[in-house]
Amino acid sequence: MSDDNNDYQPPRVWEWKEESGGRFASINRPVAGATHEKDLPVGKHPHQLYSLATPNGQKVTVLFEELLALGFSDAEYDAWLIDISEGEQFSSGFVAINPNSKIPAMVDHSQPEPLRVFESGTILLYLAEKFDAFLPREHAARTECLNWLFWQMGAAPFLGGGFGHFYAYAPKKIRYAIDRYAMEAKRQLDVLDRELADKAFIAGDDYTIADMAIWPWYGQMALGRLYEAGEFLQVESYEHLLRWARTIDARPAVQRGRIVNRSIGKPEKQLRERHEAADIDGVLKRT
């Protein structure tokens, strides 16, 4: 490849000859499957979550904490850290529950046979249906909630793998890529800001799994926490999105859920594994 990205001419047949560079280069590869044998740990609770405190991981831990806050004791869970920087998502145990090797993934041991659930949106929908919570029953309201849940699934790759990668992680700053994805990120922020102008939450008056899916990405972007790009994207200009983001950020269950499986930052603010409520209580007392 030429050192000048503008001069790169794709070959007729692409071959993987070298790492692409960047923060996650050592774990990126063009094939699936396990790279090593390792079983996953199993704790005492019905739900075994294998994750990391990325925005996708936070969606699920926030929902678990919201369910527990409502009194659903059967929503207890063990959260095990999957260190993607070390390639733990390619272990034989993890690949068995998510062939796509992406966090989060979960196994529900309360079923007659342990049931794997992977993809963050699927896990949110699965738990909401299981506990009949945070998902409207009425047909139109349920449909609107699912509209936004699946909007997030389709939109976030442009924010994360697109804007976030080229702005924060790519080994070279490529103006075309950053401009292209910054434009799309701002368009998405504007979509949300306009929707939230006249309603409390993204699907209407009620807080739902759609909010839990969107907030870790777009809410934290609005709060200036994602990619340190708040000023670059002028996030403070999205007043309705920012109001929504702050409202959700203030929820105790959200504050609890967002620190589960955290492995970066100050050691006293990390919670690599969660096995009972007291684990989170200990971290919150230190922050």
C-alpha atoms as a PDB file:
ATOM      1  CA  MET A   1       0.000   0.000   0.000  1.00  0.00           C
ATOM      2  CA  SER A   2       1.254   3.484  -0.803  1.00  0.00           C
ATOM      3  CA  ASP A   3       2.057   5.748   2.129  1.00  0.00           C
ATOM      4  CA  ASP A   4      -0.318   8.226   0.546  1.00  0.00           C
ATOM      5  CA  ASN A   5      -3.809   6.867   1.134  1.00  0.00           C
ATOM      6  CA  ASN A   6      -5.153   8.967  -1.733  1.00  0.00           C
ATOM      7  CA  ASP A   7      -3.011   6.984  -4.181  1.00  0.00           C
ATOM      8  CA  TYR A   8      -4.075   3.533  -3.025  1.00  0.00           C
ATOM      9  CA  GLN A   9      -5.373   1.356  -5.835  1.00  0.00           C
ATOM     10  CA  PRO A  10      -7.268  -1.737  -4.618  1.00  0.00           C
ATOM     11  CA  PRO A  11      -5.896  -4.993  -6.074  1.00  0.00           C
ATOM     12  CA  ARG A  12      -8.134  -7.222  -8.135  1.00  0.00           C
ATOM     13  CA  VAL A  13      -8.219  -9.755  -5.273  1.00  0.00           C
ATOM     14  CA  TRP A  14      -7.754  -8.583  -1.697  1.00  0.00           C
ATOM     15  CA  GLU A  15      -5.427 -10.586   0.533  1.00  0.00           C
ATOM     16  CA  TRP A  16      -4.647 -10.223   4.215  1.00  0.00           C
ATOM     17  CA  LYS A  17      -0.900  -9.703   4.284  1.00  0.00           C
ATOM     18  CA  GLU A  18      -0.328  -7.442   7.263  1.00  0.00           C
ATOM     19  CA  GLU A  19      -2.027  -5.835  10.227  1.00  0.00           C
ATOM     20  CA  SER A  20      -3.890  -2.666   9.340  1.00  0.00           C
ATOM     21  CA  GLY A  21      -2.495  -0.677  12.249  1.00  0.00           C
ATOM     22  CA  GLY A  22      -4.428   1.163  14.909  1.00  0.00           C
ATOM     23  CA  ARG A  23      -5.473   0.330  18.434  1.00  0.00           C
ATOM     24  CA  PHE A  24      -7.167  -2.991  17.661  1.00  0.00           C
ATOM     25  CA  ALA A  25      -4.956  -4.177  14.812  1.00  0.00           C
ATOM     26  CA  SER A  26      -3.625  -7.214  16.673  1.00  0.00           C
ATOM     27  CA  ILE A  27      -7.077  -8.767  17.078  1.00  0.00           C
ATOM     28  CA  ASN A  28      -8.592  -7.946  13.699  1.00  0.00           C
ATOM     29  CA  ARG A  29      -8.599 -10.783  11.193  1.00  0.00           C
ATOM     30  CA  PRO A  30     -10.637 -11.819   8.148  1.00  0.00           C
ATOM     31  CA  VAL A  31     -11.733 -15.227   9.453  1.00  0.00           C
ATOM     32  CA  ALA A  32     -14.084 -16.410  12.207  1.00  0.00           C
ATOM     33  CA  GLY A  33     -13.785 -19.207  14.742  1.00  0.00           C
ATOM     34  CA  ALA A  34     -11.810 -19.841  17.915  1.00  0.00           C
ATOM     35  CA  THR A  35      -8.102 -19.143  18.209  1.00  0.00           C
ATOM     36  CA  HIS A  36      -7.614 -21.000  21.474  1.00  0.00           C
ATOM     37  CA  GLU A  37      -9.329 -23.382  23.851  1.00  0.00           C
ATOM     38  CA  LYS A  38     -10.781 -21.860  27.002  1.00  0.00           C
ATOM     39  CA  ASP A  39     -14.044 -22.500  28.811  1.00  0.00           C
ATOM     40  CA  LEU A  40     -16.139 -19.634  30.094  1.00  0.00           C
ATOM     41  CA  PRO A  41     -16.669 -19.282  33.843  1.00  0.00           C
ATOM     42  CA  VAL A  42     -20.169 -19.832  35.218  1.00  0.00           C
ATOM     43  CA  GLY A  43     -21.462 -18.189  38.378  1.00  0.00           C
ATOM     44  CA  LYS A  44     -24.451 -18.816  40.610  1.00  0.00           C
ATOM     45  CA  HIS A  45     -27.076 -16.581  39.023  1.00  0.00           C
ATOM     46  CA  PRO A  46     -29.621 -17.383  36.280  1.00  0.00           C
ATOM     47  CA  HIS A  47     -28.015 -15.041  33.762  1.00  0.00           C
ATOM     48  CA  GLN A  48     -24.361 -15.275  32.829  1.00  0.00           C
ATOM     49  CA  LEU A  49     -23.169 -12.199  30.941  1.00  0.00           C
ATOM     50  CA  TYR A  50     -19.839 -12.073  29.134  1.00  0.00           C
ATOM     51  CA  SER A  51     -19.078  -8.498  28.229  1.00  0.00           C
ATOM     52  CA  LEU A  52     -17.061  -5.309  28.494  1.00  0.00           C
ATOM     53  CA  ALA A  53     -18.124  -1.779  29.460  1.00  0.00           C
ATOM     54  CA  THR A  54     -18.228  -0.449  25.922  1.00  0.00           C
ATOM     55  CA  PRO A  55     -21.456   1.268  24.842  1.00  0.00           C
ATOM     56  CA  ASN A  56     -22.760  -2.064  23.537  1.00  0.00           C
ATOM     57  CA  GLY A  57     -21.960  -3.793  26.802  1.00  0.00           C
ATOM     58  CA  GLN A  58     -23.472  -1.015  28.902  1.00  0.00           C
ATOM     59  CA  LYS A  59     -26.852  -1.417  27.225  1.00  0.00           C
ATOM     60  CA  VAL A  60     -27.317  -4.826  28.823  1.00  0.00           C
ATOM     61  CA  THR A  61     -25.922  -4.085  32.282  1.00  0.00           C
ATOM     62  CA  VAL A  62     -28.106  -0.973  32.483  1.00  0.00           C
ATOM     63  CA  LEU A  63     -31.173  -3.104  31.712  1.00  0.00           C
ATOM     64  CA  PHE A  64     -30.203  -5.696  34.305  1.00  0.00           C
ATOM     65  CA  GLU A  65     -29.794  -2.974  36.937  1.00  0.00           C
ATOM     66  CA  GLU A  66     -33.095  -1.366  35.948  1.00  0.00           C
ATOM     67  CA  LEU A  67     -34.866  -4.724  36.284  1.00  0.00           C
ATOM     68  CA  LEU A  68     -33.318  -5.320  39.692  1.00  0.00           C
ATOM     69  CA  ALA A  69     -34.342  -1.799  40.758  1.00  0.00           C
ATOM     70  CA  LEU A  70     -37.940  -2.710  39.898  1.00  0.00           C
ATOM     71  CA  GLY A  71     -37.730  -5.713  42.203  1.00  0.00           C
ATOM     72  CA  PHE A  72     -37.194  -8.532  39.700  1.00  0.00           C
ATOM     73  CA  SER A  73     -34.944 -10.700  41.841  1.00  0.00           C
ATOM     74  CA  ASP A  74     -34.843 -13.336  39.088  1.00  0.00           C
ATOM     75  CA  ALA A  75     -32.923 -10.824  36.965  1.00  0.00           C
ATOM     76  CA  GLU A  76     -29.790 -11.401  39.043  1.00  0.00           C
ATOM     77  CA  TYR A  77     -26.707 -11.899  36.931  1.00  0.00           C
ATOM     78  CA  ASP A  78     -22.998 -12.567  36.913  1.00  0.00           C
ATOM     79  CA  ALA A  79     -21.029 -10.282  34.590  1.00  0.00           C
ATOM     80  CA  TRP A  80     -17.676 -11.653  33.445  1.00  0.00           C
ATOM     81  CA  LEU A  81     -15.116  -9.463  31.737  1.00  0.00           C
ATOM     82  CA  ILE A  82     -14.176 -10.310  28.159  1.00  0.00           C
ATOM     83  CA  ASP A  83     -10.976  -8.410  27.375  1.00  0.00           C
ATOM     84  CA  ILE A  84     -11.213  -7.831  23.638  1.00  0.00           C
ATOM     85  CA  SER A  85      -7.743  -6.262  23.548  1.00  0.00           C
ATOM     86  CA  GLU A  86      -6.389  -9.683  24.569  1.00  0.00           C
ATOM     87  CA  GLY A  87      -8.537 -11.611  22.094  1.00  0.00           C
ATOM     88  CA  GLU A  88     -10.679 -13.293  24.755  1.00  0.00           C
ATOM     89  CA  GLN A  89     -13.675 -13.070  22.425  1.00  0.00           C
ATOM     90  CA  PHE A  90     -11.974 -15.700  20.277  1.00  0.00           C
ATOM     91  CA  SER A  91     -11.851 -18.371  22.981  1.00  0.00           C
ATOM     92  CA  SER A  92     -13.654 -21.626  22.237  1.00  0.00           C
ATOM     93  CA  GLY A  93     -16.094 -20.933  25.085  1.00  0.00           C
ATOM     94  CA  PHE A  94     -17.032 -17.497  23.843  1.00  0.00           C
ATOM     95  CA  VAL A  95     -17.292 -18.507  20.206  1.00  0.00           C
ATOM     96  CA  ALA A  96     -19.693 -21.263  21.286  1.00  0.00           C
ATOM     97  CA  ILE A  97     -22.160 -18.676  22.603  1.00  0.00           C
ATOM     98  CA  ASN A  98     -21.472 -16.047  19.937  1.00  0.00           C
ATOM     99  CA  PRO A  99     -20.004 -17.290  16.655  1.00  0.00           C
ATOM    100  CA  ASN A 100     -19.509 -13.645  15.672  1.00  0.00           C
ATOM    101  CA  SER A 101     -17.032 -13.096  18.545  1.00  0.00           C
ATOM    102  CA  LYS A 102     -18.486  -9.764  19.656  1.00  0.00           C
ATOM    103  CA  ILE A 103     -19.538  -8.636  23.119  1.00  0.00           C
ATOM    104  CA  PRO A 104     -21.966  -8.788  24.798  1.00  0.00           C
ATOM    105  CA  ALA A 105     -23.188 -12.370  24.881  1.00  0.00           C
ATOM    106  CA  MET A 106     -25.296 -14.090  27.515  1.00  0.00           C
ATOM    107  CA  VAL A 107     -26.407 -17.533  28.600  1.00  0.00           C
ATOM    108  CA  ASP A 108     -29.749 -17.931  30.383  1.00  0.00           C
ATOM    109  CA  HIS A 109     -29.450 -20.892  32.748  1.00  0.00           C
ATOM    110  CA  SER A 110     -33.035 -20.538  33.980  1.00  0.00           C
ATOM    111  CA  GLN A 111     -34.271 -22.368  30.878  1.00  0.00           C
ATOM    112  CA  PRO A 112     -34.667 -26.174  30.637  1.00  0.00           C
ATOM    113  CA  GLU A 113     -31.467 -26.121  28.593  1.00  0.00           C
ATOM    114  CA  PRO A 114     -28.984 -23.228  28.840  1.00  0.00           C
ATOM    115  CA  LEU A 115     -29.926 -20.752  26.115  1.00  0.00           C
ATOM    116  CA  ARG A 116     -27.396 -18.532  24.390  1.00  0.00           C
ATOM    117  CA  VAL A 117     -28.413 -14.981  23.493  1.00  0.00           C
ATOM    118  CA  PHE A 118     -26.082 -12.773  21.494  1.00  0.00           C
ATOM    119  CA  GLU A 119     -26.202  -9.314  19.902  1.00  0.00           C
ATOM    120  CA  SER A 120     -27.001  -6.489  22.302  1.00  0.00           C
ATOM    121  CA  GLY A 121     -30.377  -5.687  20.740  1.00  0.00           C
ATOM    122  CA  THR A 122     -31.460  -9.306  20.977  1.00  0.00           C
ATOM    123  CA  ILE A 123     -30.444  -9.464  24.636  1.00  0.00           C
ATOM    124  CA  LEU A 124     -32.420  -6.294  25.426  1.00  0.00           C
ATOM    125  CA  LEU A 125     -35.502  -7.611  23.655  1.00  0.00           C
ATOM    126  CA  TYR A 126     -35.135 -11.064  25.229  1.00  0.00           C
ATOM    127  CA  LEU A 127     -34.933  -9.708  28.779  1.00  0.00           C
ATOM    128  CA  ALA A 128     -37.694  -7.140  28.256  1.00  0.00           C
ATOM    129  CA  GLU A 129     -40.039  -9.871  27.022  1.00  0.00           C
ATOM    130  CA  LYS A 130     -38.973 -12.308  29.725  1.00  0.00           C
ATOM    131  CA  PHE A 131     -39.734  -9.853  32.530  1.00  0.00           C
ATOM    132  CA  ASP A 132     -42.485  -7.904  30.749  1.00  0.00           C
ATOM    133  CA  ALA A 133     -40.757  -4.614  31.464  1.00  0.00           C
ATOM    134  CA  PHE A 134     -39.482  -1.605  29.525  1.00  0.00           C
ATOM    135  CA  LEU A 135     -41.271  -2.782  26.372  1.00  0.00           C
ATOM    136  CA  PRO A 136     -44.807  -1.498  25.681  1.00  0.00           C
ATOM    137  CA  ARG A 137     -47.567  -4.068  25.316  1.00  0.00           C
ATOM    138  CA  GLU A 138     -49.839  -2.001  23.082  1.00  0.00           C
ATOM    139  CA  HIS A 139     -49.139  -2.717  19.423  1.00  0.00           C
ATOM    140  CA  ALA A 140     -48.432   0.799  18.147  1.00  0.00           C
ATOM    141  CA  ALA A 141     -46.294   1.760  21.143  1.00  0.00           C
ATOM    142  CA  ARG A 142     -44.371  -1.509  20.964  1.00  0.00           C
ATOM    143  CA  THR A 143     -43.716  -0.970  17.278  1.00  0.00           C
ATOM    144  CA  GLU A 144     -42.410   2.552  17.896  1.00  0.00           C
ATOM    145  CA  CYS A 145     -40.082   1.228  20.590  1.00  0.00           C
ATOM    146  CA  LEU A 146     -38.749  -1.427  18.229  1.00  0.00           C
ATOM    147  CA  ASN A 147     -38.377   1.166  15.464  1.00  0.00           C
ATOM    148  CA  TRP A 148     -35.854   3.001  17.611  1.00  0.00           C
ATOM    149  CA  LEU A 149     -34.218  -0.109  19.016  1.00  0.00           C
ATOM    150  CA  PHE A 150     -33.377  -1.285  15.526  1.00  0.00           C
ATOM    151  CA  TRP A 151     -32.530   2.244  14.386  1.00  0.00           C
ATOM    152  CA  GLN A 152     -29.740   2.142  16.926  1.00  0.00           C
ATOM    153  CA  MET A 153     -28.482  -1.217  15.671  1.00  0.00           C
ATOM    154  CA  GLY A 154     -28.201   0.137  12.151  1.00  0.00           C
ATOM    155  CA  ALA A 155     -26.979   3.635  13.020  1.00  0.00           C
ATOM    156  CA  ALA A 156     -24.295   3.062  15.669  1.00  0.00           C
ATOM    157  CA  PRO A 157     -21.742   1.373  13.362  1.00  0.00           C
ATOM    158  CA  PHE A 158     -21.462   4.698  11.528  1.00  0.00           C
ATOM    159  CA  LEU A 159     -20.809   6.436  14.846  1.00  0.00           C
ATOM    160  CA  GLY A 160     -18.433   3.838  16.279  1.00  0.00           C
ATOM    161  CA  GLY A 161     -16.746   1.913  13.479  1.00  0.00           C
ATOM    162  CA  GLY A 162     -17.036   4.937  11.210  1.00  0.00           C
ATOM    163  CA  PHE A 163     -16.554   8.249  13.025  1.00  0.00           C
ATOM    164  CA  GLY A 164     -15.015   6.852  16.210  1.00  0.00           C
ATOM    165  CA  HIS A 165     -12.505   4.696  14.387  1.00  0.00           C
ATOM    166  CA  PHE A 166     -11.230   7.294  11.954  1.00  0.00           C
ATOM    167  CA  TYR A 167     -11.349  10.201  14.427  1.00  0.00           C
ATOM    168  CA  ALA A 168      -9.855   8.456  17.465  1.00  0.00           C
ATOM    169  CA  TYR A 169      -8.201   5.141  16.585  1.00  0.00           C
ATOM    170  CA  ALA A 170      -7.003   4.995  12.979  1.00  0.00           C
ATOM    171  CA  PRO A 171      -3.189   5.063  12.649  1.00  0.00           C
ATOM    172  CA  LYS A 172      -3.499   7.911  10.120  1.00  0.00           C
ATOM    173  CA  LYS A 173      -5.889  10.849  10.079  1.00  0.00           C
ATOM    174  CA  ILE A 174      -7.681  10.670   6.755  1.00  0.00           C
ATOM    175  CA  ARG A 175      -9.620  13.854   6.091  1.00  0.00           C
ATOM    176  CA  TYR A 176     -12.127  12.305   3.706  1.00  0.00           C
ATOM    177  CA  ALA A 177     -13.022   9.542   6.176  1.00  0.00           C
ATOM    178  CA  ILE A 178     -13.301  11.871   9.176  1.00  0.00           C
ATOM    179  CA  ASP A 179     -15.377  14.416   7.252  1.00  0.00           C
ATOM    180  CA  ARG A 180     -17.637  11.703   5.826  1.00  0.00           C
ATOM    181  CA  TYR A 181     -18.412  10.108   9.170  1.00  0.00           C
ATOM    182  CA  ALA A 182     -18.547  13.373  11.130  1.00  0.00           C
ATOM    183  CA  MET A 183     -21.262  14.493   8.740  1.00  0.00           C
ATOM    184  CA  GLU A 184     -23.199  11.257   9.321  1.00  0.00           C
ATOM    185  CA  ALA A 185     -22.693  11.412  13.106  1.00  0.00           C
ATOM    186  CA  LYS A 186     -24.089  14.942  13.191  1.00  0.00           C
ATOM    187  CA  ARG A 187     -27.020  13.926  11.012  1.00  0.00           C
ATOM    188  CA  GLN A 188     -27.857  11.133  13.460  1.00  0.00           C
ATOM    189  CA  LEU A 189     -27.563  13.485  16.434  1.00  0.00           C
ATOM    190  CA  ASP A 190     -29.958  15.827  14.648  1.00  0.00           C
ATOM    191  CA  VAL A 191     -32.413  12.972  14.034  1.00  0.00           C
ATOM    192  CA  LEU A 192     -32.541  12.291  17.760  1.00  0.00           C
ATOM    193  CA  ASP A 193     -32.655  15.952  18.748  1.00  0.00           C
ATOM    194  CA  ARG A 194     -35.662  16.577  16.512  1.00  0.00           C
ATOM    195  CA  GLU A 195     -37.489  13.481  17.802  1.00  0.00           C
ATOM    196  CA  LEU A 196     -36.890  14.445  21.418  1.00  0.00           C
ATOM    197  CA  ALA A 197     -38.146  18.003  20.973  1.00  0.00           C
ATOM    198  CA  ASP A 198     -41.676  17.118  22.060  1.00  0.00           C
ATOM    199  CA  LYS A 199     -41.423  13.876  24.029  1.00  0.00           C
ATOM    200  CA  ALA A 200     -39.707  12.731  27.182  1.00  0.00           C
ATOM    201  CA  PHE A 201     -38.101   9.599  25.784  1.00  0.00           C
ATOM    202  CA  ILE A 202     -37.278   8.406  22.312  1.00  0.00           C
ATOM    203  CA  ALA A 203     -40.398   6.237  21.845  1.00  0.00           C
ATOM    204  CA  GLY A 204     -42.794   8.487  23.752  1.00  0.00           C
ATOM    205  CA  ASP A 205     -43.631   9.198  27.381  1.00  0.00           C
ATOM    206  CA  ASP A 206     -42.161   5.985  28.773  1.00  0.00           C
ATOM    207  CA  TYR A 207     -38.554   4.934  29.312  1.00  0.00           C
ATOM    208  CA  THR A 208     -37.897   1.763  27.288  1.00  0.00           C
ATOM    209  CA  ILE A 209     -35.190  -0.541  26.007  1.00  0.00           C
ATOM    210  CA  ALA A 210     -34.912   1.807  23.016  1.00  0.00           C
ATOM    211  CA  ASP A 211     -33.538   4.497  25.334  1.00  0.00           C
ATOM    212  CA  MET A 212     -31.203   1.963  26.939  1.00  0.00           C
ATOM    213  CA  ALA A 213     -29.876   0.997  23.520  1.00  0.00           C
ATOM    214  CA  ILE A 214     -29.370   4.539  22.271  1.00  0.00           C
ATOM    215  CA  TRP A 215     -28.105   6.276  25.415  1.00  0.00           C
ATOM    216  CA  PRO A 216     -24.700   4.540  25.814  1.00  0.00           C
ATOM    217  CA  TRP A 217     -23.769   5.706  22.314  1.00  0.00           C
ATOM    218  CA  TYR A 218     -25.605   8.956  21.613  1.00  0.00           C
ATOM    219  CA  GLY A 219     -26.383  10.046  25.150  1.00  0.00           C
ATOM    220  CA  GLN A 220     -22.766   9.739  26.183  1.00  0.00           C
ATOM    221  CA  MET A 221     -21.709  11.465  22.978  1.00  0.00           C
ATOM    222  CA  ALA A 222     -24.002  14.362  23.913  1.00  0.00           C
ATOM    223  CA  LEU A 223     -22.446  14.397  27.393  1.00  0.00           C
ATOM    224  CA  GLY A 224     -18.967  14.669  25.876  1.00  0.00           C
ATOM    225  CA  ARG A 225     -17.759  11.253  27.026  1.00  0.00           C
ATOM    226  CA  LEU A 226     -17.348   9.463  23.708  1.00  0.00           C
ATOM    227  CA  TYR A 227     -14.079   9.756  21.751  1.00  0.00           C
ATOM    228  CA  GLU A 228     -13.440  13.170  23.391  1.00  0.00           C
ATOM    229  CA  ALA A 229     -15.224  14.574  20.357  1.00  0.00           C
ATOM    230  CA  GLY A 230     -17.894  16.722  21.981  1.00  0.00           C
ATOM    231  CA  GLU A 231     -16.411  20.042  20.919  1.00  0.00           C
ATOM    232  CA  PHE A 232     -15.542  18.733  17.453  1.00  0.00           C
ATOM    233  CA  LEU A 233     -19.162  17.712  16.822  1.00  0.00           C
ATOM    234  CA  GLN A 234     -20.648  20.678  18.737  1.00  0.00           C
ATOM    235  CA  VAL A 235     -22.800  18.343  20.813  1.00  0.00           C
ATOM    236  CA  GLU A 236     -24.020  21.128  23.104  1.00  0.00           C
ATOM    237  CA  SER A 237     -26.086  22.501  20.226  1.00  0.00           C
ATOM    238  CA  TYR A 238     -28.462  19.516  20.439  1.00  0.00           C
ATOM    239  CA  GLU A 239     -30.483  20.818  23.383  1.00  0.00           C
ATOM    240  CA  HIS A 240     -33.280  18.232  23.373  1.00  0.00           C
ATOM    241  CA  LEU A 241     -30.856  15.332  23.034  1.00  0.00           C
ATOM    242  CA  LEU A 242     -28.762  16.783  25.848  1.00  0.00           C
ATOM    243  CA  ARG A 243     -31.815  17.124  28.130  1.00  0.00           C
ATOM    244  CA  TRP A 244     -32.697  13.470  27.471  1.00  0.00           C
ATOM    245  CA  ALA A 245     -29.098  12.352  27.975  1.00  0.00           C
ATOM    246  CA  ARG A 246     -28.870  14.097  31.350  1.00  0.00           C
ATOM    247  CA  THR A 247     -32.214  12.702  32.485  1.00  0.00           C
ATOM    248  CA  ILE A 248     -31.118   9.147  31.811  1.00  0.00           C
ATOM    249  CA  ASP A 249     -27.619   9.718  33.182  1.00  0.00           C
ATOM    250  CA  ALA A 250     -29.174  10.681  36.536  1.00  0.00           C
ATOM    251  CA  ARG A 251     -30.974   7.342  36.938  1.00  0.00           C
ATOM    252  CA  PRO A 252     -29.338   5.274  39.715  1.00  0.00           C
ATOM    253  CA  ALA A 253     -29.618   2.043  37.710  1.00  0.00           C
ATOM    254  CA  VAL A 254     -27.846   3.678  34.772  1.00  0.00           C
ATOM    255  CA  GLN A 255     -25.044   4.871  37.035  1.00  0.00           C
ATOM    256  CA  ARG A 256     -24.717   1.310  38.312  1.00  0.00           C
ATOM    257  CA  GLY A 257     -24.925  -0.401  34.961  1.00  0.00           C
ATOM    258  CA  ARG A 258     -22.368   1.741  33.178  1.00  0.00           C
ATOM    259  CA  ILE A 259     -19.526   0.729  35.516  1.00  0.00           C
ATOM    260  CA  VAL A 260     -20.019  -3.037  35.260  1.00  0.00           C
ATOM    261  CA  ASN A 261     -17.122  -4.719  33.409  1.00  0.00           C
ATOM    262  CA  ARG A 262     -15.204  -1.449  33.343  1.00  0.00           C
ATOM    263  CA  SER A 263     -11.505  -2.129  32.925  1.00  0.00           C
ATOM    264  CA  ILE A 264     -10.111   1.297  32.048  1.00  0.00           C
ATOM    265  CA  GLY A 265      -9.619   4.515  33.937  1.00  0.00           C
ATOM    266  CA  LYS A 266      -8.664   4.876  37.568  1.00  0.00           C
ATOM    267  CA  PRO A 267      -8.405   1.482  39.309  1.00  0.00           C
ATOM    268  CA  GLU A 268     -10.788   2.523  42.075  1.00  0.00           C
ATOM    269  CA  LYS A 269     -13.483   3.214  39.480  1.00  0.00           C
ATOM    270  CA  GLN A 270     -13.167  -0.132  37.727  1.00  0.00           C
ATOM    271  CA  LEU A 271     -15.427  -3.151  38.210  1.00  0.00           C
ATOM    272  CA  ARG A 272     -14.056  -5.945  36.100  1.00  0.00           C
ATOM    273  CA  GLU A 273     -16.623  -8.496  37.323  1.00  0.00           C
ATOM    274  CA  ARG A 274     -20.024  -8.186  38.942  1.00  0.00           C
ATOM    275  CA  HIS A 275     -21.532 -11.042  40.959  1.00  0.00           C
ATOM    276  CA  GLU A 276     -23.761  -9.237  43.439  1.00  0.00           C
ATOM    277  CA  ALA A 277     -25.105  -5.767  44.110  1.00  0.00           C
ATOM    278  CA  ALA A 278     -22.461  -5.122  46.741  1.00  0.00           C
ATOM    279  CA  ASP A 279     -19.763  -5.237  44.065  1.00  0.00           C
ATOM    280  CA  ILE A 280     -21.213  -2.108  42.454  1.00  0.00           C
ATOM    281  CA  ASP A 281     -21.922  -0.477  45.813  1.00  0.00           C
ATOM    282  CA  GLY A 282     -18.244  -0.699  46.651  1.00  0.00           C
ATOM    283  CA  VAL A 283     -17.183   1.106  43.490  1.00  0.00           C
ATOM    284  CA  LEU A 284     -19.823   3.820  43.841  1.00  0.00           C
ATOM    285  CA  LYS A 285     -18.665   4.551  47.378  1.00  0.00           C
ATOM    286  CA  ARG A 286     -15.178   5.184  46.043  1.00  0.00           C
ATOM    287  CA  THR A 287     -16.284   7.555  43.275  1.00  0.00           C
END
